[in-house]
C-alpha atoms as a PDB file:
ATOM      1  CA  UNK A   1    -170.171 -42.384  82.317  1.00  0.00           C
ATOM      2  CA  UNK A   2    -168.828 -39.021  83.504  1.00  0.00           C
ATOM      3  CA  UNK A   3    -165.752 -37.393  82.103  1.00  0.00           C
ATOM      4  CA  UNK A   4    -162.576 -37.907  84.130  1.00  0.00           C
ATOM      5  CA  UNK A   5    -161.677 -35.283  86.706  1.00  0.00           C
ATOM      6  CA  UNK A   6    -159.645 -32.401  85.324  1.00  0.00           C
ATOM      7  CA  UNK A   7    -156.938 -32.726  87.977  1.00  0.00           C
ATOM      8  CA  UNK A   8    -155.511 -35.888  86.422  1.00  0.00           C
ATOM      9  CA  UNK A   9    -152.242 -35.155  84.595  1.00  0.00           C
ATOM     10  CA  UNK A  10    -152.668 -37.858  81.920  1.00  0.00           C
ATOM     11  CA  UNK A  11    -155.286 -38.935  79.336  1.00  0.00           C
ATOM     12  CA  UNK A  12    -158.102 -40.863  80.952  1.00  0.00           C
ATOM     13  CA  UNK A  13    -159.938 -43.234  78.564  1.00  0.00           C
ATOM     14  CA  UNK A  14    -162.832 -45.281  79.864  1.00  0.00           C
ATOM     15  CA  UNK A  15    -161.150 -48.273  81.607  1.00  0.00           C
ATOM     16  CA  UNK A  16    -164.479 -50.119  81.975  1.00  0.00           C
ATOM     17  CA  UNK A  17    -165.304 -50.373  78.285  1.00  0.00           C
ATOM     18  CA  UNK A  18    -166.665 -53.797  77.259  1.00  0.00           C
ATOM     19  CA  UNK A  19    -167.070 -54.900  80.893  1.00  0.00           C
ATOM     20  CA  UNK A  20    -170.172 -56.995  81.637  1.00  0.00           C
ATOM     21  CA  UNK A  21    -170.744 -55.399  85.059  1.00  0.00           C
ATOM     22  CA  UNK A  22    -171.305 -51.757  85.967  1.00  0.00           C
ATOM     23  CA  UNK A  23    -168.184 -49.778  87.004  1.00  0.00           C
ATOM     24  CA  UNK A  24    -169.726 -49.100  90.410  1.00  0.00           C
ATOM     25  CA  UNK A  25    -169.883 -52.847  91.142  1.00  0.00           C
ATOM     26  CA  UNK A  26    -166.326 -53.406  89.962  1.00  0.00           C
ATOM     27  CA  UNK A  27    -164.939 -50.572  92.100  1.00  0.00           C
ATOM     28  CA  UNK A  28    -166.957 -51.752  95.102  1.00  0.00           C
ATOM     29  CA  UNK A  29    -165.367 -55.205  94.907  1.00  0.00           C
ATOM     30  CA  UNK A  30    -161.884 -53.808  94.357  1.00  0.00           C
ATOM     31  CA  UNK A  31    -162.277 -51.428  97.325  1.00  0.00           C
ATOM     32  CA  UNK A  32    -163.511 -54.164  99.624  1.00  0.00           C
ATOM     33  CA  UNK A  33    -160.681 -56.522  98.741  1.00  0.00           C
ATOM     34  CA  UNK A  34    -157.978 -53.877  99.108  1.00  0.00           C
ATOM     35  CA  UNK A  35    -159.330 -52.374 102.334  1.00  0.00           C
ATOM     36  CA  UNK A  36    -160.420 -55.337 104.467  1.00  0.00           C
ATOM     37  CA  UNK A  37    -158.916 -58.772 105.267  1.00  0.00           C
ATOM     38  CA  UNK A  38    -161.079 -60.680 102.775  1.00  0.00           C
ATOM     39  CA  UNK A  39    -160.323 -63.449 100.300  1.00  0.00           C
ATOM     40  CA  UNK A  40    -161.543 -63.288  96.697  1.00  0.00           C
ATOM     41  CA  UNK A  41    -164.110 -65.949  97.560  1.00  0.00           C
ATOM     42  CA  UNK A  42    -165.468 -63.922 100.476  1.00  0.00           C
ATOM     43  CA  UNK A  43    -165.827 -60.782  98.345  1.00  0.00           C
ATOM     44  CA  UNK A  44    -167.669 -62.809  95.687  1.00  0.00           C
ATOM     45  CA  UNK A  45    -170.045 -64.224  98.311  1.00  0.00           C
ATOM     46  CA  UNK A  46    -170.770 -60.755  99.701  1.00  0.00           C
ATOM     47  CA  UNK A  47    -171.631 -59.448  96.230  1.00  0.00           C
ATOM     48  CA  UNK A  48    -173.674 -62.524  95.370  1.00  0.00           C
ATOM     49  CA  UNK A  49    -175.791 -61.927  98.479  1.00  0.00           C
ATOM     50  CA  UNK A  50    -176.940 -58.753  96.718  1.00  0.00           C
ATOM     51  CA  UNK A  51    -178.360 -60.700  93.813  1.00  0.00           C
ATOM     52  CA  UNK A  52    -175.404 -60.782  91.431  1.00  0.00           C
ATOM     53  CA  UNK A  53    -173.599 -63.812  90.046  1.00  0.00           C
ATOM     54  CA  UNK A  54    -169.876 -63.091  90.289  1.00  0.00           C
ATOM     55  CA  UNK A  55    -167.190 -65.774  90.547  1.00  0.00           C
ATOM     56  CA  UNK A  56    -164.117 -65.312  92.731  1.00  0.00           C
ATOM     57  CA  UNK A  57    -161.882 -65.549  89.633  1.00  0.00           C
ATOM     58  CA  UNK A  58    -163.720 -62.498  88.266  1.00  0.00           C
ATOM     59  CA  UNK A  59    -162.937 -60.578  91.461  1.00  0.00           C
ATOM     60  CA  UNK A  60    -159.288 -61.588  91.097  1.00  0.00           C
ATOM     61  CA  UNK A  61    -159.252 -60.322  87.502  1.00  0.00           C
ATOM     62  CA  UNK A  62    -160.783 -56.997  88.534  1.00  0.00           C
ATOM     63  CA  UNK A  63    -158.245 -56.469  91.309  1.00  0.00           C
ATOM     64  CA  UNK A  64    -155.326 -57.271  89.007  1.00  0.00           C
ATOM     65  CA  UNK A  65    -156.683 -54.977  86.295  1.00  0.00           C
ATOM     66  CA  UNK A  66    -157.846 -51.993  88.332  1.00  0.00           C
ATOM     67  CA  UNK A  67    -155.612 -51.979  91.434  1.00  0.00           C
ATOM     68  CA  UNK A  68    -152.553 -50.622  89.539  1.00  0.00           C
ATOM     69  CA  UNK A  69    -154.805 -48.097  87.793  1.00  0.00           C
ATOM     70  CA  UNK A  70    -156.169 -46.953  91.156  1.00  0.00           C
ATOM     71  CA  UNK A  71    -152.662 -46.477  92.529  1.00  0.00           C
ATOM     72  CA  UNK A  72    -151.597 -44.498  89.432  1.00  0.00           C
ATOM     73  CA  UNK A  73    -154.623 -42.195  89.618  1.00  0.00           C
ATOM     74  CA  UNK A  74    -154.189 -41.567  93.354  1.00  0.00           C
ATOM     75  CA  UNK A  75    -150.497 -40.632  93.155  1.00  0.00           C
ATOM     76  CA  UNK A  76    -151.025 -37.034  91.887  1.00  0.00           C
ATOM     77  CA  UNK A  77    -153.312 -36.360  94.870  1.00  0.00           C
ATOM     78  CA  UNK A  78    -150.902 -37.396  97.645  1.00  0.00           C
ATOM     79  CA  UNK A  79    -149.950 -34.884 100.323  1.00  0.00           C
ATOM     80  CA  UNK A  80    -146.290 -34.165 100.961  1.00  0.00           C
ATOM     81  CA  UNK A  81    -144.499 -35.801 103.886  1.00  0.00           C
ATOM     82  CA  UNK A  82    -141.860 -34.362 106.228  1.00  0.00           C
ATOM     83  CA  UNK A  83    -138.081 -34.801 106.021  1.00  0.00           C
ATOM     84  CA  UNK A  84    -137.577 -37.382 108.800  1.00  0.00           C
ATOM     85  CA  UNK A  85    -137.755 -40.847 107.276  1.00  0.00           C
ATOM     86  CA  UNK A  86    -138.031 -44.267 108.903  1.00  0.00           C
ATOM     87  CA  UNK A  87    -137.151 -47.169 106.591  1.00  0.00           C
ATOM     88  CA  UNK A  88    -137.649 -50.881 107.161  1.00  0.00           C
ATOM     89  CA  UNK A  89    -138.473 -54.088 105.308  1.00  0.00           C
ATOM     90  CA  UNK A  90    -140.877 -56.905 106.117  1.00  0.00           C
ATOM     91  CA  UNK A  91    -141.308 -60.455 104.831  1.00  0.00           C
ATOM     92  CA  UNK A  92    -144.121 -61.493 102.499  1.00  0.00           C
ATOM     93  CA  UNK A  93    -144.800 -64.930 101.029  1.00  0.00           C
ATOM     94  CA  UNK A  94    -144.716 -65.334  97.235  1.00  0.00           C
ATOM     95  CA  UNK A  95    -145.111 -68.886  95.899  1.00  0.00           C
ATOM     96  CA  UNK A  96    -144.296 -70.108  99.394  1.00  0.00           C
ATOM     97  CA  UNK A  97    -140.960 -68.280  99.560  1.00  0.00           C
ATOM     98  CA  UNK A  98    -139.936 -65.263 101.609  1.00  0.00           C
ATOM     99  CA  UNK A  99    -139.742 -62.070  99.605  1.00  0.00           C
ATOM    100  CA  UNK A 100    -139.419 -58.505 100.879  1.00  0.00           C
ATOM    101  CA  UNK A 101    -141.509 -55.367 101.075  1.00  0.00           C
ATOM    102  CA  UNK A 102    -139.420 -52.241 101.637  1.00  0.00           C
ATOM    103  CA  UNK A 103    -141.352 -49.368 103.187  1.00  0.00           C
ATOM    104  CA  UNK A 104    -140.747 -45.898 104.589  1.00  0.00           C
ATOM    105  CA  UNK A 105    -142.856 -43.571 106.715  1.00  0.00           C
ATOM    106  CA  UNK A 106    -142.138 -40.098 108.046  1.00  0.00           C
ATOM    107  CA  UNK A 107    -142.085 -39.063 111.715  1.00  0.00           C
ATOM    108  CA  UNK A 108    -145.862 -38.484 111.627  1.00  0.00           C
ATOM    109  CA  UNK A 109    -146.590 -41.944 110.252  1.00  0.00           C
ATOM    110  CA  UNK A 110    -147.318 -40.898 106.667  1.00  0.00           C
ATOM    111  CA  UNK A 111    -146.289 -43.514 104.133  1.00  0.00           C
ATOM    112  CA  UNK A 112    -143.437 -42.250 101.967  1.00  0.00           C
ATOM    113  CA  UNK A 113    -143.094 -45.141  99.522  1.00  0.00           C
ATOM    114  CA  UNK A 114    -142.832 -48.925  99.135  1.00  0.00           C
ATOM    115  CA  UNK A 115    -141.224 -51.550  96.912  1.00  0.00           C
ATOM    116  CA  UNK A 116    -141.541 -55.331  96.575  1.00  0.00           C
ATOM    117  CA  UNK A 117    -138.188 -57.056  95.960  1.00  0.00           C
ATOM    118  CA  UNK A 118    -136.882 -60.600  95.633  1.00  0.00           C
ATOM    119  CA  UNK A 119    -133.787 -59.924  97.733  1.00  0.00           C
ATOM    120  CA  UNK A 120    -132.822 -58.169 100.959  1.00  0.00           C
ATOM    121  CA  UNK A 121    -129.472 -56.565 100.208  1.00  0.00           C
ATOM    122  CA  UNK A 122    -127.738 -53.262  99.437  1.00  0.00           C
ATOM    123  CA  UNK A 123    -128.925 -53.261  95.833  1.00  0.00           C
ATOM    124  CA  UNK A 124    -132.560 -53.715  96.855  1.00  0.00           C
ATOM    125  CA  UNK A 125    -132.235 -50.993  99.520  1.00  0.00           C
ATOM    126  CA  UNK A 126    -130.701 -48.663  96.947  1.00  0.00           C
ATOM    127  CA  UNK A 127    -133.526 -49.325  94.464  1.00  0.00           C
ATOM    128  CA  UNK A 128    -136.102 -48.557  97.110  1.00  0.00           C
ATOM    129  CA  UNK A 129    -134.447 -45.355  98.316  1.00  0.00           C
ATOM    130  CA  UNK A 130    -134.025 -44.157  94.737  1.00  0.00           C
ATOM    131  CA  UNK A 131    -137.734 -44.769  94.059  1.00  0.00           C
ATOM    132  CA  UNK A 132    -138.734 -42.864  97.202  1.00  0.00           C
ATOM    133  CA  UNK A 133    -136.434 -39.949  96.371  1.00  0.00           C
ATOM    134  CA  UNK A 134    -137.923 -39.592  92.890  1.00  0.00           C
ATOM    135  CA  UNK A 135    -141.559 -39.524  94.019  1.00  0.00           C
ATOM    136  CA  UNK A 136    -142.928 -36.015  93.450  1.00  0.00           C
ATOM    137  CA  UNK A 137    -144.840 -35.873  96.752  1.00  0.00           C
ATOM    138  CA  UNK A 138    -141.730 -36.593  98.863  1.00  0.00           C
ATOM    139  CA  UNK A 139    -139.447 -34.032 100.458  1.00  0.00           C
ATOM    140  CA  UNK A 140    -135.683 -34.556 100.362  1.00  0.00           C
ATOM    141  CA  UNK A 141    -134.905 -36.322 103.656  1.00  0.00           C
ATOM    142  CA  UNK A 142    -132.950 -34.622 106.418  1.00  0.00           C
ATOM    143  CA  UNK A 143    -132.409 -37.887 108.283  1.00  0.00           C
ATOM    144  CA  UNK A 144    -133.090 -41.554 107.472  1.00  0.00           C
ATOM    145  CA  UNK A 145    -133.646 -43.858 110.449  1.00  0.00           C
ATOM    146  CA  UNK A 146    -133.002 -47.574 109.886  1.00  0.00           C
ATOM    147  CA  UNK A 147    -132.294 -50.705 111.898  1.00  0.00           C
ATOM    148  CA  UNK A 148    -128.904 -52.447 112.093  1.00  0.00           C
ATOM    149  CA  UNK A 149    -129.153 -53.930 108.586  1.00  0.00           C
ATOM    150  CA  UNK A 150    -125.716 -53.348 107.016  1.00  0.00           C
ATOM    151  CA  UNK A 151    -127.266 -52.880 103.568  1.00  0.00           C
ATOM    152  CA  UNK A 152    -128.532 -49.368 104.301  1.00  0.00           C
ATOM    153  CA  UNK A 153    -125.163 -47.597 104.829  1.00  0.00           C
ATOM    154  CA  UNK A 154    -123.887 -49.195 101.615  1.00  0.00           C
ATOM    155  CA  UNK A 155    -126.984 -48.107  99.692  1.00  0.00           C
ATOM    156  CA  UNK A 156    -126.862 -44.550 100.998  1.00  0.00           C
ATOM    157  CA  UNK A 157    -123.142 -44.178 100.316  1.00  0.00           C
ATOM    158  CA  UNK A 158    -123.682 -45.329  96.747  1.00  0.00           C
ATOM    159  CA  UNK A 159    -126.539 -42.877  96.225  1.00  0.00           C
ATOM    160  CA  UNK A 160    -124.379 -40.053  97.566  1.00  0.00           C
ATOM    161  CA  UNK A 161    -121.528 -41.025  95.252  1.00  0.00           C
ATOM    162  CA  UNK A 162    -123.938 -40.907  92.321  1.00  0.00           C
ATOM    163  CA  UNK A 163    -125.277 -37.497  93.456  1.00  0.00           C
ATOM    164  CA  UNK A 164    -128.802 -38.852  93.927  1.00  0.00           C
ATOM    165  CA  UNK A 165    -128.731 -38.142  97.666  1.00  0.00           C
ATOM    166  CA  UNK A 166    -127.348 -35.036  99.322  1.00  0.00           C
ATOM    167  CA  UNK A 167    -124.191 -35.469 101.401  1.00  0.00           C
ATOM    168  CA  UNK A 168    -125.816 -33.722 104.363  1.00  0.00           C
ATOM    169  CA  UNK A 169    -128.509 -36.408 104.759  1.00  0.00           C
ATOM    170  CA  UNK A 170    -127.860 -38.253 108.021  1.00  0.00           C
ATOM    171  CA  UNK A 171    -128.177 -41.988 108.587  1.00  0.00           C
ATOM    172  CA  UNK A 172    -129.229 -43.169 112.045  1.00  0.00           C
ATOM    173  CA  UNK A 173    -129.003 -46.881 112.810  1.00  0.00           C
ATOM    174  CA  UNK A 174    -130.970 -47.794 115.893  1.00  0.00           C
ATOM    175  CA  UNK A 175    -133.710 -50.417 115.991  1.00  0.00           C
ATOM    176  CA  UNK A 176    -135.621 -48.470 118.656  1.00  0.00           C
ATOM    177  CA  UNK A 177    -136.041 -45.460 116.346  1.00  0.00           C
ATOM    178  CA  UNK A 178    -138.181 -47.501 113.974  1.00  0.00           C
ATOM    179  CA  UNK A 179    -141.067 -48.377 116.293  1.00  0.00           C
ATOM    180  CA  UNK A 180    -143.515 -46.295 114.251  1.00  0.00           C
ATOM    181  CA  UNK A 181    -142.882 -48.091 110.977  1.00  0.00           C
ATOM    182  CA  UNK A 182    -142.795 -51.510 112.633  1.00  0.00           C
ATOM    183  CA  UNK A 183    -146.283 -50.833 114.007  1.00  0.00           C
ATOM    184  CA  UNK A 184    -147.417 -49.561 110.613  1.00  0.00           C
ATOM    185  CA  UNK A 185    -146.281 -52.824 108.976  1.00  0.00           C
ATOM    186  CA  UNK A 186    -149.030 -54.749 110.736  1.00  0.00           C
ATOM    187  CA  UNK A 187    -151.700 -53.723 108.238  1.00  0.00           C
ATOM    188  CA  UNK A 188    -149.997 -55.592 105.382  1.00  0.00           C
ATOM    189  CA  UNK A 189    -149.918 -58.859 107.370  1.00  0.00           C
ATOM    190  CA  UNK A 190    -153.576 -58.300 108.288  1.00  0.00           C
ATOM    191  CA  UNK A 191    -154.572 -57.971 104.624  1.00  0.00           C
ATOM    192  CA  UNK A 192    -152.340 -60.691 103.164  1.00  0.00           C
ATOM    193  CA  UNK A 193    -153.314 -63.404 105.683  1.00  0.00           C
ATOM    194  CA  UNK A 194    -156.763 -64.352 104.198  1.00  0.00           C
ATOM    195  CA  UNK A 195    -155.152 -65.093 100.821  1.00  0.00           C
ATOM    196  CA  UNK A 196    -152.277 -67.089 102.388  1.00  0.00           C
ATOM    197  CA  UNK A 197    -149.632 -65.295 100.378  1.00  0.00           C
ATOM    198  CA  UNK A 198    -149.311 -64.597  96.659  1.00  0.00           C
ATOM    199  CA  UNK A 199    -149.033 -66.992  93.712  1.00  0.00           C
ATOM    200  CA  UNK A 200    -146.648 -64.858  91.633  1.00  0.00           C
ATOM    201  CA  UNK A 201    -144.311 -61.896  91.985  1.00  0.00           C
ATOM    202  CA  UNK A 202    -146.342 -59.752  89.571  1.00  0.00           C
ATOM    203  CA  UNK A 203    -149.574 -60.512  91.426  1.00  0.00           C
ATOM    204  CA  UNK A 204    -147.928 -59.480  94.701  1.00  0.00           C
ATOM    205  CA  UNK A 205    -146.504 -56.283  93.231  1.00  0.00           C
ATOM    206  CA  UNK A 206    -149.804 -55.181  91.672  1.00  0.00           C
ATOM    207  CA  UNK A 207    -151.896 -56.023  94.735  1.00  0.00           C
ATOM    208  CA  UNK A 208    -149.556 -54.534  97.340  1.00  0.00           C
ATOM    209  CA  UNK A 209    -149.438 -51.267  95.397  1.00  0.00           C
ATOM    210  CA  UNK A 210    -153.089 -50.779  96.205  1.00  0.00           C
ATOM    211  CA  UNK A 211    -152.986 -52.220  99.703  1.00  0.00           C
ATOM    212  CA  UNK A 212    -150.526 -49.396 100.307  1.00  0.00           C
ATOM    213  CA  UNK A 213    -152.459 -46.663  98.510  1.00  0.00           C
ATOM    214  CA  UNK A 214    -155.683 -47.563 100.345  1.00  0.00           C
ATOM    215  CA  UNK A 215    -153.758 -47.550 103.617  1.00  0.00           C
ATOM    216  CA  UNK A 216    -152.433 -44.089 102.760  1.00  0.00           C
ATOM    217  CA  UNK A 217    -155.961 -42.948 101.995  1.00  0.00           C
ATOM    218  CA  UNK A 218    -157.230 -44.263 105.347  1.00  0.00           C
ATOM    219  CA  UNK A 219    -154.413 -42.334 107.072  1.00  0.00           C
ATOM    220  CA  UNK A 220    -155.561 -39.075 105.449  1.00  0.00           C
ATOM    221  CA  UNK A 221    -152.704 -38.720 102.959  1.00  0.00           C
ATOM    222  CA  UNK A 222    -154.948 -37.915  99.994  1.00  0.00           C
ATOM    223  CA  UNK A 223    -155.816 -34.261  99.533  1.00  0.00           C
ATOM    224  CA  UNK A 224    -159.468 -33.526 100.408  1.00  0.00           C
ATOM    225  CA  UNK A 225    -159.960 -36.989 101.957  1.00  0.00           C
ATOM    226  CA  UNK A 226    -159.780 -36.810 105.749  1.00  0.00           C
ATOM    227  CA  UNK A 227    -158.346 -39.572 107.903  1.00  0.00           C
ATOM    228  CA  UNK A 228    -160.905 -42.324 108.428  1.00  0.00           C
ATOM    229  CA  UNK A 229    -163.553 -40.618 106.247  1.00  0.00           C
ATOM    230  CA  UNK A 230    -165.115 -43.640 104.525  1.00  0.00           C
ATOM    231  CA  UNK A 231    -167.688 -41.764 102.440  1.00  0.00           C
ATOM    232  CA  UNK A 232    -165.104 -39.253 101.239  1.00  0.00           C
ATOM    233  CA  UNK A 233    -162.859 -42.147 100.272  1.00  0.00           C
ATOM    234  CA  UNK A 234    -165.606 -43.831  98.236  1.00  0.00           C
ATOM    235  CA  UNK A 235    -166.501 -40.538  96.516  1.00  0.00           C
ATOM    236  CA  UNK A 236    -162.863 -39.769  95.694  1.00  0.00           C
ATOM    237  CA  UNK A 237    -162.266 -43.168  94.068  1.00  0.00           C
ATOM    238  CA  UNK A 238    -165.443 -42.796  92.028  1.00  0.00           C
ATOM    239  CA  UNK A 239    -164.361 -39.325  90.872  1.00  0.00           C
ATOM    240  CA  UNK A 240    -160.879 -40.321  89.714  1.00  0.00           C
ATOM    241  CA  UNK A 241    -162.454 -43.117  87.657  1.00  0.00           C
ATOM    242  CA  UNK A 242    -165.211 -40.838  86.377  1.00  0.00           C
ATOM    243  CA  UNK A 243    -168.162 -42.854  87.697  1.00  0.00           C
ATOM    244  CA  UNK A 244    -171.069 -42.123  90.030  1.00  0.00           C
ATOM    245  CA  UNK A 245    -170.366 -42.581  93.755  1.00  0.00           C
END
């Protein structure tokens, strides 16, 4: 096992200690599940074709254990976005009920941030905007484009009152200004469909974190990983976990 890369800003103990399978196999399965529209069963079958004996419940356990760790280790390597934000929310199924994924992209399509919430209201919008504003890779927005959802003006006004958002930041409400983010939402539906939704809120939150971070990586938002560069992506993930590519 290699030492962790020096660019990580936090201690990096071996997260694969006591695991029965090699780290390379674990990361391969996690990458496949988070990148392509595959179920846990399908990933297990693909690995088993290579001579291993891995159950789909094992794949599920790996994703739940290492997906949040992957997202945490990728965060310090994100490129900065521009100051024109587009914010929207989309429905996801959790235990058969509609829940909400708040997302924002900039005018170039770079993902700014995301948040899974139980409700679609001013409080949820405020929580999401606050999270996005605090992320170190994000610029302070000049303008925030949203649809006609009445929750956004309330959320922004509250953030301005609390001095968490500058008064000069403009709000534009026009559903036609959000075409870019609405198109970008499609990837989450594409990935969630094989699993037919999530069984719990925590499972959804942990998994979507890495759906999003892998999507950002594919879009070229990680430093030194070009857009669509599959081999660079595999090498980068191996490096931040300190294993051989």
